[in-house]
């Protein structure tokens, strides 16, 4: 009975997360980036998922990315966290960005696609994706009741959860094929917040 009630609640929360007032669809791109305790994250890909789901800003829906006319499914281990973007950010190509919103990985239990969650950045993973700078903001839920790791910042992440940090790093280096991504270093939460501020529209 409890399983059914939990499933029902998840469905309700998912539907609520996709709709605004009076049934209007949320414009995920224009949600505020900053919050009282950190930043907002829009979840596209739930933790434990292999499907490459993306928000289509033109259609206002989440869809599976296509490759050669088929749904893109990551040929590797599932995502180690909830993956998405920080709304109201845009990495302008004129300033060295990739033309998209800032990517974010939220460490915690799996969250449905379309979830908007307040998070606290704890660091930034710097990568080179086929020669282009590709930075991933790493974060945890700001609500301590949703946290699976009580991390205060990058130092805690590096010392207390070094194994988890290495898993995240290794996953991003290998999920898209050997040699596609190159490691370019880790930065702390202060750097992550500076980067977010830099790219807020």
N, C-alpha and C. Protein backbone atom coordinates (compact mmCIF):
# COMPACT_ATOMS: atom_id res chain seq x y z
N UNK A 1 0.83 -1.21 0.00
CA UNK A 1 0.00 0.00 0.00
C UNK A 1 0.86 1.26 0.00
N UNK A 2 1.93 1.21 0.80
CA UNK A 2 2.81 2.37 0.88
C UNK A 2 3.54 2.61 -0.44
N UNK A 3 3.88 1.52 -1.15
CA UNK A 3 4.54 1.64 -2.45
C UNK A 3 3.64 2.38 -3.43
N UNK A 4 2.34 2.00 -3.45
CA UNK A 4 1.41 2.66 -4.36
C UNK A 4 1.24 4.14 -4.03
N UNK A 5 1.17 4.47 -2.74
CA UNK A 5 1.00 5.87 -2.36
C UNK A 5 2.25 6.68 -2.71
N UNK A 6 3.43 6.05 -2.57
CA UNK A 6 4.68 6.72 -2.93
C UNK A 6 4.73 6.98 -4.44
N UNK A 7 4.35 5.96 -5.23
CA UNK A 7 4.33 6.11 -6.69
C UNK A 7 3.35 7.21 -7.11
N UNK A 8 2.17 7.22 -6.46
CA UNK A 8 1.17 8.23 -6.77
C UNK A 8 1.71 9.62 -6.48
N UNK A 9 2.42 9.78 -5.35
CA UNK A 9 2.97 11.08 -4.98
C UNK A 9 4.02 11.54 -5.98
N UNK A 10 4.85 10.61 -6.44
CA UNK A 10 5.87 10.96 -7.43
C UNK A 10 5.22 11.45 -8.72
N UNK A 11 4.14 10.77 -9.15
CA UNK A 11 3.44 11.17 -10.37
C UNK A 11 2.85 12.57 -10.20
N UNK A 12 2.23 12.82 -9.05
CA UNK A 12 1.64 14.13 -8.79
C UNK A 12 2.70 15.22 -8.80
N UNK A 13 3.84 14.94 -8.12
CA UNK A 13 4.92 15.93 -8.07
C UNK A 13 5.49 16.20 -9.46
N UNK A 14 5.60 15.14 -10.26
CA UNK A 14 6.12 15.30 -11.62
C UNK A 14 5.19 16.17 -12.45
N UNK A 15 3.88 15.88 -12.36
CA UNK A 15 2.91 16.67 -13.11
C UNK A 15 2.89 18.11 -12.63
N UNK A 16 2.99 18.28 -11.32
CA UNK A 16 2.99 19.63 -10.76
C UNK A 16 4.23 20.39 -11.19
N UNK A 17 5.35 19.68 -11.30
CA UNK A 17 6.59 20.32 -11.71
C UNK A 17 6.59 20.75 -13.16
N UNK A 18 5.72 20.14 -13.96
CA UNK A 18 5.69 20.47 -15.38
C UNK A 18 4.67 21.56 -15.71
N UNK A 19 3.82 21.90 -14.76
CA UNK A 19 2.76 22.86 -15.03
C UNK A 19 2.89 24.08 -14.12
N UNK A 20 2.57 25.22 -14.66
CA UNK A 20 2.54 26.44 -13.86
C UNK A 20 1.13 26.69 -13.36
N UNK A 21 0.82 27.91 -13.01
CA UNK A 21 -0.51 28.27 -12.54
C UNK A 21 -1.52 28.10 -13.67
N UNK A 22 -2.71 27.64 -13.31
CA UNK A 22 -3.82 27.45 -14.24
C UNK A 22 -3.41 26.54 -15.40
N UNK A 23 -2.57 25.55 -15.12
CA UNK A 23 -2.21 24.56 -16.14
C UNK A 23 -1.22 25.04 -17.18
N UNK A 24 -0.68 26.25 -17.02
CA UNK A 24 0.29 26.74 -18.00
C UNK A 24 1.63 26.02 -17.83
N UNK A 25 2.25 25.77 -18.96
CA UNK A 25 3.53 25.06 -18.93
C UNK A 25 4.64 25.99 -18.42
N UNK A 26 5.52 25.44 -17.60
CA UNK A 26 6.64 26.22 -17.06
C UNK A 26 7.67 26.45 -18.16
N UNK A 27 8.18 27.67 -18.23
CA UNK A 27 9.30 27.95 -19.12
C UNK A 27 10.57 27.72 -18.30
N UNK A 28 11.11 26.54 -18.40
CA UNK A 28 12.24 26.14 -17.56
C UNK A 28 13.47 27.02 -17.77
N UNK A 29 13.61 27.56 -18.97
CA UNK A 29 14.79 28.36 -19.26
C UNK A 29 14.82 29.68 -18.51
N UNK A 30 13.64 30.24 -18.23
CA UNK A 30 13.60 31.57 -17.62
C UNK A 30 13.35 31.56 -16.11
N UNK A 31 13.33 30.38 -15.50
CA UNK A 31 13.26 30.33 -14.04
C UNK A 31 14.48 31.04 -13.47
N UNK A 32 14.36 31.54 -12.26
CA UNK A 32 15.49 32.23 -11.63
C UNK A 32 16.64 31.25 -11.41
N UNK A 33 17.84 31.72 -11.64
CA UNK A 33 19.02 30.89 -11.39
C UNK A 33 19.33 30.86 -9.89
N UNK A 34 19.30 32.01 -9.26
CA UNK A 34 19.65 32.11 -7.84
C UNK A 34 18.44 31.80 -6.95
N UNK A 35 18.74 31.26 -5.76
CA UNK A 35 17.73 31.04 -4.73
C UNK A 35 18.30 31.56 -3.41
N UNK A 36 17.52 31.46 -2.35
CA UNK A 36 17.98 31.92 -1.04
C UNK A 36 19.21 31.14 -0.56
N UNK A 37 19.22 29.82 -0.85
CA UNK A 37 20.30 28.98 -0.33
C UNK A 37 21.29 28.50 -1.38
N UNK A 38 21.07 28.88 -2.62
CA UNK A 38 21.98 28.40 -3.67
C UNK A 38 21.47 28.75 -5.05
N UNK A 39 21.20 27.71 -5.86
CA UNK A 39 20.69 27.91 -7.21
C UNK A 39 19.62 26.87 -7.53
N UNK A 40 18.85 27.15 -8.55
CA UNK A 40 17.89 26.17 -9.06
C UNK A 40 18.56 25.25 -10.06
N UNK A 41 18.13 24.00 -10.06
CA UNK A 41 18.57 23.04 -11.07
C UNK A 41 17.33 22.43 -11.70
N UNK A 42 17.32 22.34 -13.02
CA UNK A 42 16.25 21.66 -13.75
C UNK A 42 16.78 20.29 -14.15
N UNK A 43 16.10 19.24 -13.68
CA UNK A 43 16.58 17.88 -13.95
C UNK A 43 16.04 17.38 -15.29
N UNK A 44 16.96 17.01 -16.16
CA UNK A 44 16.60 16.40 -17.44
C UNK A 44 16.73 14.87 -17.35
N UNK A 45 17.85 14.42 -16.81
CA UNK A 45 18.15 12.98 -16.76
C UNK A 45 18.22 12.51 -15.31
N UNK A 46 17.29 11.66 -14.88
CA UNK A 46 17.33 11.16 -13.50
C UNK A 46 18.57 10.30 -13.24
N UNK A 47 19.06 10.30 -12.03
CA UNK A 47 20.16 9.41 -11.65
C UNK A 47 19.74 7.97 -11.95
N UNK A 48 20.69 7.18 -12.45
CA UNK A 48 20.41 5.78 -12.75
C UNK A 48 19.77 5.56 -14.10
N UNK A 49 19.79 6.59 -14.95
CA UNK A 49 19.18 6.52 -16.28
C UNK A 49 20.26 6.51 -17.36
N UNK A 50 20.00 5.79 -18.45
CA UNK A 50 20.92 5.79 -19.59
C UNK A 50 20.40 6.62 -20.76
N UNK A 51 19.12 6.99 -20.73
CA UNK A 51 18.55 7.77 -21.83
C UNK A 51 19.01 9.21 -21.75
N UNK A 52 19.48 9.76 -22.88
CA UNK A 52 19.98 11.14 -22.96
C UNK A 52 18.78 12.07 -23.21
N UNK A 53 18.15 12.47 -22.12
CA UNK A 53 16.96 13.33 -22.20
C UNK A 53 17.38 14.79 -22.14
N UNK A 54 16.77 15.61 -22.99
CA UNK A 54 17.09 17.04 -23.03
C UNK A 54 15.82 17.86 -23.09
N UNK A 55 15.91 19.08 -22.58
CA UNK A 55 14.78 20.00 -22.66
C UNK A 55 14.81 20.70 -24.01
N UNK A 56 13.72 20.58 -24.76
CA UNK A 56 13.59 21.24 -26.06
C UNK A 56 12.92 22.59 -25.81
N UNK A 57 13.71 23.66 -25.86
CA UNK A 57 13.19 24.99 -25.52
C UNK A 57 12.17 25.47 -26.53
N UNK A 58 12.25 25.02 -27.77
CA UNK A 58 11.29 25.46 -28.78
C UNK A 58 9.92 24.81 -28.57
N UNK A 59 9.92 23.53 -28.21
CA UNK A 59 8.66 22.82 -27.98
C UNK A 59 8.19 22.90 -26.53
N UNK A 60 9.13 23.28 -25.63
CA UNK A 60 8.78 23.37 -24.22
C UNK A 60 8.54 22.03 -23.56
N UNK A 61 9.22 20.98 -24.06
CA UNK A 61 9.06 19.64 -23.51
C UNK A 61 10.42 18.96 -23.38
N UNK A 62 10.44 17.88 -22.61
CA UNK A 62 11.65 17.07 -22.47
C UNK A 62 11.55 15.91 -23.44
N UNK A 63 12.60 15.73 -24.24
CA UNK A 63 12.61 14.67 -25.24
C UNK A 63 13.93 13.91 -25.19
N UNK A 64 13.90 12.70 -25.69
CA UNK A 64 15.13 11.91 -25.80
C UNK A 64 15.92 12.43 -26.99
N UNK A 65 17.19 12.77 -26.75
CA UNK A 65 18.07 13.22 -27.82
C UNK A 65 18.16 12.13 -28.89
N UNK A 66 18.30 12.55 -30.13
CA UNK A 66 18.35 11.61 -31.25
C UNK A 66 19.75 11.49 -31.82
N UNK A 67 20.09 10.29 -32.22
CA UNK A 67 21.35 10.04 -32.92
C UNK A 67 21.08 9.03 -34.01
N UNK A 68 21.34 9.42 -35.25
CA UNK A 68 21.05 8.58 -36.41
C UNK A 68 19.59 8.14 -36.44
N UNK A 69 18.68 9.07 -36.04
CA UNK A 69 17.25 8.79 -36.09
C UNK A 69 16.72 7.92 -34.97
N UNK A 70 17.55 7.61 -33.99
CA UNK A 70 17.13 6.76 -32.88
C UNK A 70 17.37 7.48 -31.56
N UNK A 71 16.61 7.08 -30.53
CA UNK A 71 16.84 7.63 -29.20
C UNK A 71 18.28 7.39 -28.79
N UNK A 72 18.93 8.45 -28.29
CA UNK A 72 20.31 8.30 -27.83
C UNK A 72 20.31 7.68 -26.44
N UNK A 73 20.92 6.53 -26.33
CA UNK A 73 21.04 5.82 -25.05
C UNK A 73 22.53 5.65 -24.77
N UNK A 74 22.96 6.12 -23.62
CA UNK A 74 24.38 6.07 -23.27
C UNK A 74 24.84 4.62 -23.14
N UNK A 75 25.86 4.26 -23.90
CA UNK A 75 26.40 2.90 -23.91
C UNK A 75 27.47 2.78 -22.82
N UNK A 76 27.02 2.91 -21.59
CA UNK A 76 27.93 2.91 -20.45
C UNK A 76 27.09 2.73 -19.20
N UNK A 77 27.69 2.88 -18.04
CA UNK A 77 26.93 2.84 -16.80
C UNK A 77 25.94 4.01 -16.76
N UNK A 78 24.82 3.87 -16.03
CA UNK A 78 23.85 4.98 -15.94
C UNK A 78 24.45 6.22 -15.29
N UNK A 79 23.77 7.34 -15.46
CA UNK A 79 24.22 8.60 -14.87
C UNK A 79 24.36 8.45 -13.34
N UNK A 80 25.49 8.91 -12.77
CA UNK A 80 25.74 8.75 -11.33
C UNK A 80 25.04 9.80 -10.47
N UNK A 81 24.31 10.70 -11.08
CA UNK A 81 23.57 11.73 -10.36
C UNK A 81 22.48 12.26 -11.27
N UNK A 82 21.70 13.19 -10.78
CA UNK A 82 20.64 13.80 -11.58
C UNK A 82 21.24 14.92 -12.42
N UNK A 83 21.11 14.79 -13.73
CA UNK A 83 21.80 15.70 -14.65
C UNK A 83 20.81 16.68 -15.27
N UNK A 84 21.24 17.92 -15.41
CA UNK A 84 20.37 18.91 -16.03
C UNK A 84 21.08 20.22 -16.25
N UNK A 85 20.37 21.32 -16.04
CA UNK A 85 20.96 22.64 -16.29
C UNK A 85 20.48 23.65 -15.27
N UNK A 86 21.21 24.74 -15.19
CA UNK A 86 20.84 25.85 -14.32
C UNK A 86 20.07 26.86 -15.17
N UNK A 87 18.79 27.09 -14.84
CA UNK A 87 17.98 27.99 -15.67
C UNK A 87 18.52 29.42 -15.64
N UNK A 88 18.14 30.17 -16.66
CA UNK A 88 18.54 31.58 -16.81
C UNK A 88 20.05 31.76 -16.90
N UNK A 89 20.76 30.70 -17.32
CA UNK A 89 22.19 30.84 -17.63
C UNK A 89 22.38 30.56 -19.11
N UNK A 90 23.35 31.22 -19.70
CA UNK A 90 23.66 31.02 -21.11
C UNK A 90 25.14 31.25 -21.31
N UNK A 91 25.82 30.21 -21.78
CA UNK A 91 27.26 30.29 -22.01
C UNK A 91 27.50 30.80 -23.43
N UNK A 92 27.59 32.11 -23.53
CA UNK A 92 27.70 32.78 -24.82
C UNK A 92 28.96 32.35 -25.57
N UNK A 93 28.82 31.92 -26.83
CA UNK A 93 29.99 31.56 -27.63
C UNK A 93 30.97 32.72 -27.81
N UNK A 94 30.44 33.96 -27.81
CA UNK A 94 31.30 35.13 -27.95
C UNK A 94 32.25 35.29 -26.77
N UNK A 95 31.87 34.69 -25.63
CA UNK A 95 32.69 34.77 -24.43
C UNK A 95 33.35 33.44 -24.08
N UNK A 96 33.41 32.55 -25.05
CA UNK A 96 34.07 31.27 -24.84
C UNK A 96 33.16 30.15 -24.39
N UNK A 97 31.84 30.37 -24.40
CA UNK A 97 30.90 29.33 -23.98
C UNK A 97 30.48 28.43 -25.13
N UNK A 98 29.64 27.44 -24.80
CA UNK A 98 29.22 26.47 -25.81
C UNK A 98 27.83 26.74 -26.37
N UNK A 99 27.22 27.86 -25.96
CA UNK A 99 25.91 28.22 -26.49
C UNK A 99 24.74 27.57 -25.78
N UNK A 100 25.00 26.93 -24.66
CA UNK A 100 23.95 26.28 -23.88
C UNK A 100 23.93 26.83 -22.46
N UNK A 101 22.94 26.38 -21.69
CA UNK A 101 22.91 26.70 -20.27
C UNK A 101 24.00 25.90 -19.56
N UNK A 102 24.36 26.33 -18.35
CA UNK A 102 25.37 25.61 -17.56
C UNK A 102 24.86 24.23 -17.16
N UNK A 103 25.68 23.22 -17.35
CA UNK A 103 25.34 21.85 -16.96
C UNK A 103 25.52 21.68 -15.45
N UNK A 104 24.68 20.82 -14.87
CA UNK A 104 24.79 20.56 -13.44
C UNK A 104 24.49 19.09 -13.15
N UNK A 105 25.23 18.53 -12.21
CA UNK A 105 24.98 17.17 -11.74
C UNK A 105 24.64 17.26 -10.26
N UNK A 106 23.42 16.83 -9.90
CA UNK A 106 22.97 16.88 -8.52
C UNK A 106 23.11 15.49 -7.90
N UNK A 107 23.97 15.38 -6.90
CA UNK A 107 24.23 14.09 -6.24
C UNK A 107 23.11 13.82 -5.24
N UNK A 108 22.45 12.69 -5.40
CA UNK A 108 21.36 12.33 -4.51
C UNK A 108 20.50 11.25 -5.12
N UNK A 109 19.37 10.96 -4.48
CA UNK A 109 18.45 9.95 -5.00
C UNK A 109 17.83 10.43 -6.31
N UNK A 110 17.38 9.48 -7.10
CA UNK A 110 16.85 9.78 -8.43
C UNK A 110 15.64 10.71 -8.36
N UNK A 111 15.65 11.74 -9.22
CA UNK A 111 14.57 12.71 -9.31
C UNK A 111 13.95 12.66 -10.70
N UNK A 112 12.62 12.79 -10.80
CA UNK A 112 11.98 12.70 -12.11
C UNK A 112 12.39 13.82 -13.06
N UNK A 113 12.38 13.53 -14.34
CA UNK A 113 12.61 14.54 -15.37
C UNK A 113 11.62 15.68 -15.18
N UNK A 114 12.11 16.91 -15.25
CA UNK A 114 11.25 18.08 -15.08
C UNK A 114 11.26 18.64 -13.67
N UNK A 115 11.89 17.93 -12.74
CA UNK A 115 11.98 18.44 -11.37
C UNK A 115 12.81 19.71 -11.32
N UNK A 116 12.33 20.69 -10.58
CA UNK A 116 13.12 21.89 -10.29
C UNK A 116 13.48 21.80 -8.81
N UNK A 117 14.77 21.80 -8.51
CA UNK A 117 15.22 21.61 -7.14
C UNK A 117 16.25 22.67 -6.76
N UNK A 118 16.15 23.17 -5.54
CA UNK A 118 17.12 24.12 -5.03
C UNK A 118 18.36 23.33 -4.58
N UNK A 119 19.52 23.74 -5.07
CA UNK A 119 20.75 22.99 -4.78
C UNK A 119 21.85 23.92 -4.32
N UNK A 120 22.86 23.31 -3.70
CA UNK A 120 24.05 24.03 -3.24
C UNK A 120 25.26 23.51 -4.01
N UNK A 121 25.87 24.32 -4.85
CA UNK A 121 27.06 23.88 -5.58
C UNK A 121 28.21 23.55 -4.61
N UNK A 122 28.89 22.45 -4.86
CA UNK A 122 30.02 22.05 -4.01
C UNK A 122 31.33 21.98 -4.80
N UNK A 123 31.26 22.22 -6.10
CA UNK A 123 32.47 22.17 -6.90
C UNK A 123 32.16 22.23 -8.38
N UNK A 124 33.20 22.18 -9.17
CA UNK A 124 33.07 22.19 -10.63
C UNK A 124 34.10 21.25 -11.23
N UNK A 125 33.64 20.40 -12.12
CA UNK A 125 34.51 19.48 -12.85
C UNK A 125 34.78 20.09 -14.22
N UNK A 126 36.05 20.36 -14.50
CA UNK A 126 36.43 20.98 -15.77
C UNK A 126 36.90 19.90 -16.74
N UNK A 127 36.25 19.89 -17.90
CA UNK A 127 36.57 18.92 -18.94
C UNK A 127 36.84 19.63 -20.25
N UNK A 128 37.50 18.91 -21.15
CA UNK A 128 37.62 19.34 -22.55
C UNK A 128 36.89 18.29 -23.37
N UNK A 129 35.82 18.72 -24.04
CA UNK A 129 35.01 17.82 -24.86
C UNK A 129 35.36 18.08 -26.32
N UNK A 130 36.15 17.17 -26.89
CA UNK A 130 36.64 17.32 -28.26
C UNK A 130 37.29 18.69 -28.46
N UNK A 131 38.08 19.09 -27.47
CA UNK A 131 38.85 20.32 -27.55
C UNK A 131 38.14 21.55 -27.00
N UNK A 132 36.83 21.46 -26.73
CA UNK A 132 36.07 22.60 -26.22
C UNK A 132 35.88 22.48 -24.72
N UNK A 133 35.96 23.62 -24.02
CA UNK A 133 35.77 23.63 -22.56
C UNK A 133 34.35 23.19 -22.23
N UNK A 134 34.23 22.24 -21.32
CA UNK A 134 32.93 21.69 -20.92
C UNK A 134 32.94 21.51 -19.40
N UNK A 135 32.31 22.44 -18.70
CA UNK A 135 32.33 22.42 -17.24
C UNK A 135 31.03 21.88 -16.68
N UNK A 136 31.13 21.02 -15.69
CA UNK A 136 29.97 20.47 -15.00
C UNK A 136 29.96 20.99 -13.56
N UNK A 137 28.89 21.70 -13.20
CA UNK A 137 28.72 22.12 -11.81
C UNK A 137 28.25 20.90 -11.02
N UNK A 138 28.88 20.62 -9.90
CA UNK A 138 28.50 19.49 -9.05
C UNK A 138 27.80 20.07 -7.82
N UNK A 139 26.64 19.52 -7.47
CA UNK A 139 25.85 20.10 -6.40
C UNK A 139 25.15 19.03 -5.57
N UNK A 140 24.63 19.45 -4.43
CA UNK A 140 23.80 18.60 -3.58
C UNK A 140 22.51 19.36 -3.28
N UNK A 141 21.42 18.66 -2.94
CA UNK A 141 20.19 19.37 -2.58
C UNK A 141 20.42 20.30 -1.39
N UNK A 142 19.85 21.51 -1.45
CA UNK A 142 19.98 22.43 -0.32
C UNK A 142 19.20 21.94 0.89
N UNK A 143 18.10 21.24 0.64
CA UNK A 143 17.30 20.65 1.72
C UNK A 143 18.06 19.46 2.29
N UNK A 144 18.50 19.57 3.54
CA UNK A 144 19.33 18.51 4.14
C UNK A 144 18.60 17.17 4.21
N UNK A 145 17.27 17.19 4.25
CA UNK A 145 16.51 15.94 4.32
C UNK A 145 16.60 15.16 3.00
N UNK A 146 17.03 15.83 1.92
CA UNK A 146 17.16 15.18 0.61
C UNK A 146 18.60 14.77 0.31
N UNK A 147 19.51 15.14 1.19
CA UNK A 147 20.92 14.83 0.95
C UNK A 147 21.24 13.38 1.32
N UNK A 148 22.08 12.75 0.51
CA UNK A 148 22.57 11.41 0.83
C UNK A 148 24.00 11.48 1.36
N UNK A 149 24.65 12.62 1.12
CA UNK A 149 25.99 12.86 1.64
C UNK A 149 25.99 14.25 2.29
N UNK A 150 26.23 14.33 3.61
CA UNK A 150 26.22 15.65 4.29
C UNK A 150 27.50 16.44 3.99
N UNK A 151 27.54 17.04 2.82
CA UNK A 151 28.73 17.75 2.35
C UNK A 151 28.53 19.25 2.55
N UNK A 152 29.54 19.90 3.13
CA UNK A 152 29.48 21.35 3.32
C UNK A 152 30.10 22.10 2.14
N UNK A 153 31.01 21.45 1.44
CA UNK A 153 31.68 22.11 0.32
C UNK A 153 32.67 21.17 -0.34
N UNK A 154 33.51 21.75 -1.20
CA UNK A 154 34.45 20.95 -1.98
C UNK A 154 35.43 20.18 -1.09
N UNK A 155 35.87 20.79 0.00
CA UNK A 155 36.81 20.12 0.90
C UNK A 155 36.22 18.83 1.46
N UNK A 156 34.97 18.89 1.92
CA UNK A 156 34.30 17.68 2.42
C UNK A 156 34.19 16.63 1.31
N UNK A 157 33.80 17.10 0.13
CA UNK A 157 33.64 16.20 -1.01
C UNK A 157 34.96 15.49 -1.33
N UNK A 158 36.06 16.24 -1.27
CA UNK A 158 37.38 15.69 -1.62
C UNK A 158 37.93 14.75 -0.55
N UNK A 159 37.64 15.05 0.71
CA UNK A 159 38.22 14.26 1.80
C UNK A 159 37.30 13.13 2.24
N UNK A 160 36.06 13.46 2.58
CA UNK A 160 35.14 12.46 3.12
C UNK A 160 34.55 11.54 2.04
N UNK A 161 34.38 12.11 0.84
CA UNK A 161 33.74 11.33 -0.23
C UNK A 161 34.61 11.30 -1.48
N UNK A 162 35.90 11.08 -1.27
CA UNK A 162 36.85 11.05 -2.37
C UNK A 162 36.49 9.97 -3.40
N UNK A 163 35.97 8.84 -2.91
CA UNK A 163 35.57 7.76 -3.83
C UNK A 163 34.45 8.21 -4.75
N UNK A 164 33.46 8.91 -4.20
CA UNK A 164 32.35 9.41 -5.01
C UNK A 164 32.86 10.44 -6.03
N UNK A 165 33.78 11.27 -5.59
CA UNK A 165 34.36 12.28 -6.49
C UNK A 165 35.06 11.60 -7.67
N UNK A 166 35.81 10.54 -7.39
CA UNK A 166 36.50 9.82 -8.47
C UNK A 166 35.53 9.12 -9.41
N UNK A 167 34.41 8.62 -8.86
CA UNK A 167 33.40 7.98 -9.70
C UNK A 167 32.81 9.00 -10.68
N UNK A 168 32.47 10.19 -10.17
CA UNK A 168 31.92 11.24 -11.02
C UNK A 168 32.92 11.61 -12.11
N UNK A 169 34.15 11.82 -11.72
CA UNK A 169 35.20 12.19 -12.68
C UNK A 169 35.37 11.12 -13.75
N UNK A 170 35.51 9.87 -13.31
CA UNK A 170 35.73 8.77 -14.25
C UNK A 170 34.54 8.58 -15.19
N UNK A 171 33.33 8.74 -14.63
CA UNK A 171 32.14 8.56 -15.46
C UNK A 171 32.14 9.55 -16.62
N UNK A 172 32.39 10.83 -16.32
CA UNK A 172 32.37 11.83 -17.38
C UNK A 172 33.52 11.65 -18.37
N UNK A 173 34.61 11.07 -17.93
CA UNK A 173 35.74 10.86 -18.84
C UNK A 173 35.50 9.72 -19.81
N UNK A 174 34.66 8.74 -19.43
CA UNK A 174 34.53 7.54 -20.24
C UNK A 174 33.15 7.27 -20.83
N UNK A 175 32.10 7.97 -20.38
CA UNK A 175 30.75 7.61 -20.80
C UNK A 175 30.51 7.78 -22.30
N UNK A 176 31.22 8.69 -22.92
CA UNK A 176 30.98 8.97 -24.34
C UNK A 176 32.07 8.38 -25.24
N UNK A 177 32.83 7.47 -24.68
CA UNK A 177 33.89 6.84 -25.45
C UNK A 177 35.27 7.31 -25.03
N UNK A 178 36.22 6.41 -25.03
CA UNK A 178 37.58 6.70 -24.60
C UNK A 178 38.19 7.82 -25.44
N UNK A 179 38.71 8.85 -24.77
CA UNK A 179 39.39 9.94 -25.46
C UNK A 179 38.51 11.08 -25.91
N UNK A 180 37.18 10.93 -25.78
CA UNK A 180 36.28 12.01 -26.20
C UNK A 180 36.40 13.21 -25.26
N UNK A 181 36.40 12.93 -23.95
CA UNK A 181 36.55 13.98 -22.95
C UNK A 181 37.91 13.88 -22.27
N UNK A 182 38.47 15.03 -21.94
CA UNK A 182 39.74 15.08 -21.25
C UNK A 182 39.58 15.83 -19.92
N UNK A 183 40.25 15.34 -18.90
CA UNK A 183 40.18 15.95 -17.58
C UNK A 183 40.97 17.25 -17.56
N UNK A 184 40.34 18.32 -17.04
CA UNK A 184 41.00 19.62 -17.01
C UNK A 184 41.02 20.22 -15.60
N UNK A 185 40.73 19.37 -14.60
CA UNK A 185 40.85 19.82 -13.22
C UNK A 185 39.53 19.94 -12.47
N UNK A 186 39.65 20.06 -11.14
CA UNK A 186 38.53 20.31 -10.25
C UNK A 186 38.68 21.71 -9.67
N UNK A 187 37.55 22.36 -9.37
CA UNK A 187 37.54 23.64 -8.69
C UNK A 187 36.53 23.59 -7.54
N UNK A 188 36.67 24.52 -6.61
CA UNK A 188 35.82 24.49 -5.42
C UNK A 188 34.48 25.19 -5.63
N UNK A 189 33.69 25.26 -4.53
CA UNK A 189 32.35 25.84 -4.61
C UNK A 189 32.38 27.34 -4.93
N UNK A 190 33.43 28.04 -4.49
CA UNK A 190 33.53 29.47 -4.79
C UNK A 190 33.68 29.68 -6.30
N UNK A 191 34.50 28.87 -6.93
CA UNK A 191 34.69 28.93 -8.38
C UNK A 191 33.37 28.62 -9.09
N UNK A 192 32.67 27.58 -8.59
CA UNK A 192 31.39 27.19 -9.20
C UNK A 192 30.40 28.35 -9.17
N UNK A 193 30.29 29.03 -8.02
CA UNK A 193 29.37 30.15 -7.90
C UNK A 193 29.80 31.33 -8.78
N UNK A 194 31.09 31.58 -8.88
CA UNK A 194 31.59 32.64 -9.76
C UNK A 194 31.23 32.35 -11.22
N UNK A 195 31.35 31.09 -11.59
CA UNK A 195 31.02 30.68 -12.96
C UNK A 195 29.53 30.86 -13.23
N UNK A 196 28.71 30.48 -12.27
CA UNK A 196 27.25 30.65 -12.42
C UNK A 196 26.91 32.12 -12.58
N UNK A 197 27.49 32.96 -11.73
CA UNK A 197 27.23 34.41 -11.81
C UNK A 197 27.68 34.95 -13.17
N UNK A 198 28.78 34.43 -13.66
CA UNK A 198 29.30 34.91 -14.96
C UNK A 198 28.33 34.66 -16.09
N UNK A 199 27.62 33.50 -16.05
CA UNK A 199 26.79 33.12 -17.17
C UNK A 199 25.30 33.39 -16.97
N UNK A 200 24.92 34.01 -15.85
CA UNK A 200 23.50 34.36 -15.68
C UNK A 200 23.12 35.43 -16.69
N UNK A 201 21.99 35.22 -17.34
CA UNK A 201 21.54 36.18 -18.37
C UNK A 201 20.94 37.43 -17.73
